[in-house]
Amino acid sequence: MARKKTKSNHGRAPGKTQISISLPEDLVSKIDKIADVENRNRSNFIATHLESLADDQEAAEPAGTFKTAKKAAKKAAKKATKKKR
């Protein structure tokens, strides 16, 4: 019987997705300095602040707008995952 393929997260914590972005060097330097002062790593610092920004945006938007966009993004991600199989 064939083994079912499982999605590997390459050693990352469950529920986490690795992304790649390009940022200006001076911004990365600022982020690193602040993260160091807060005794955090760059990834944690960026993720925490992006989550806070998204939460603030969700609270500021008319009811349903952010949730609709969030739902559409999840649907697109699922569709992309199915195409990879």
Protein backbone atom coordinates (compact mmCIF):
# COMPACT_ATOMS: atom_id res chain seq x y z
CA MET A 1 0.00 0.00 0.00
CA ALA A 2 1.42 3.42 -0.95
CA ARG A 3 2.22 5.85 1.81
CA LYS A 4 0.22 9.05 1.90
CA LYS A 5 2.36 12.10 1.27
CA THR A 6 2.43 14.49 4.19
CA LYS A 7 3.23 18.15 3.98
CA SER A 8 6.64 18.88 5.45
CA ASN A 9 7.25 22.13 7.29
CA HIS A 10 11.04 21.68 7.15
CA GLY A 11 11.54 21.88 10.90
CA ARG A 12 9.36 24.94 11.48
CA ALA A 13 6.76 25.11 14.18
CA PRO A 14 3.36 23.71 13.16
CA GLY A 15 1.14 26.31 11.54
CA LYS A 16 4.05 28.49 10.41
CA THR A 17 4.89 29.37 6.81
CA GLN A 18 8.22 30.70 5.64
CA ILE A 19 8.13 33.64 3.24
CA SER A 20 10.77 35.74 1.55
CA ILE A 21 10.63 39.52 1.22
CA SER A 22 13.08 42.19 0.15
CA LEU A 23 13.56 45.16 2.46
CA PRO A 24 15.86 48.18 2.34
CA GLU A 25 19.10 47.55 4.27
CA ASP A 26 18.52 50.55 6.54
CA LEU A 27 15.08 49.18 7.53
CA VAL A 28 16.52 45.76 8.33
CA SER A 29 19.20 47.45 10.44
CA LYS A 30 16.55 49.39 12.38
CA ILE A 31 14.47 46.23 12.88
CA ASP A 32 17.51 44.30 14.13
CA LYS A 33 18.42 47.03 16.61
CA ILE A 34 14.91 47.25 18.04
CA ALA A 35 14.52 43.46 18.14
CA ASP A 36 17.85 43.18 19.96
CA VAL A 37 16.76 45.73 22.57
CA GLU A 38 13.54 43.73 23.04
CA ASN A 39 15.59 40.48 23.22
CA ARG A 40 13.75 39.02 20.21
CA ASN A 41 14.83 37.73 16.84
CA ARG A 42 14.06 39.50 13.57
CA SER A 43 11.42 36.99 12.51
CA ASN A 44 9.53 37.20 15.78
CA PHE A 45 9.69 40.99 15.77
CA ILE A 46 8.34 41.28 12.21
CA ALA A 47 5.65 38.61 12.68
CA THR A 48 4.40 40.20 15.92
CA HIS A 49 4.18 43.66 14.40
CA LEU A 50 2.50 42.43 11.21
CA GLU A 51 -0.05 40.53 13.27
CA SER A 52 -0.75 43.66 15.33
CA LEU A 53 -1.11 45.70 12.14
CA ALA A 54 -3.53 43.15 10.67
CA ASP A 55 -5.56 43.09 13.91
CA ASP A 56 -5.75 46.90 13.93
CA GLN A 57 -6.80 46.91 10.26
CA GLU A 58 -9.46 44.29 10.93
CA ALA A 59 -10.87 46.36 13.80
CA ALA A 60 -10.90 49.54 11.69
CA GLU A 61 -12.59 48.07 8.61
CA PRO A 62 -16.35 47.86 8.14
CA ALA A 63 -17.80 44.57 9.33
CA GLY A 64 -17.02 41.71 6.99
CA THR A 65 -14.54 43.48 4.69
CA PHE A 66 -11.36 42.12 6.26
CA LYS A 67 -12.93 38.76 6.96
CA THR A 68 -14.02 38.46 3.35
CA ALA A 69 -10.49 39.22 2.12
CA LYS A 70 -9.04 36.79 4.66
CA LYS A 71 -11.47 34.07 3.52
CA ALA A 72 -10.58 34.70 -0.15
CA ALA A 73 -6.86 34.44 0.66
CA LYS A 74 -7.38 31.11 2.44
CA LYS A 75 -9.41 29.81 -0.51
CA ALA A 76 -6.67 30.84 -2.97
CA ALA A 77 -4.01 29.18 -0.81
CA LYS A 78 -6.00 25.95 -0.71
CA LYS A 79 -6.45 26.05 -4.47
CA ALA A 80 -2.71 26.60 -4.99
CA THR A 81 -1.90 23.70 -2.67
CA LYS A 82 -4.22 21.38 -4.60
CA LYS A 83 -2.51 22.32 -7.88
CA LYS A 84 0.89 21.31 -6.46
CA ARG A 85 -0.29 17.76 -5.81
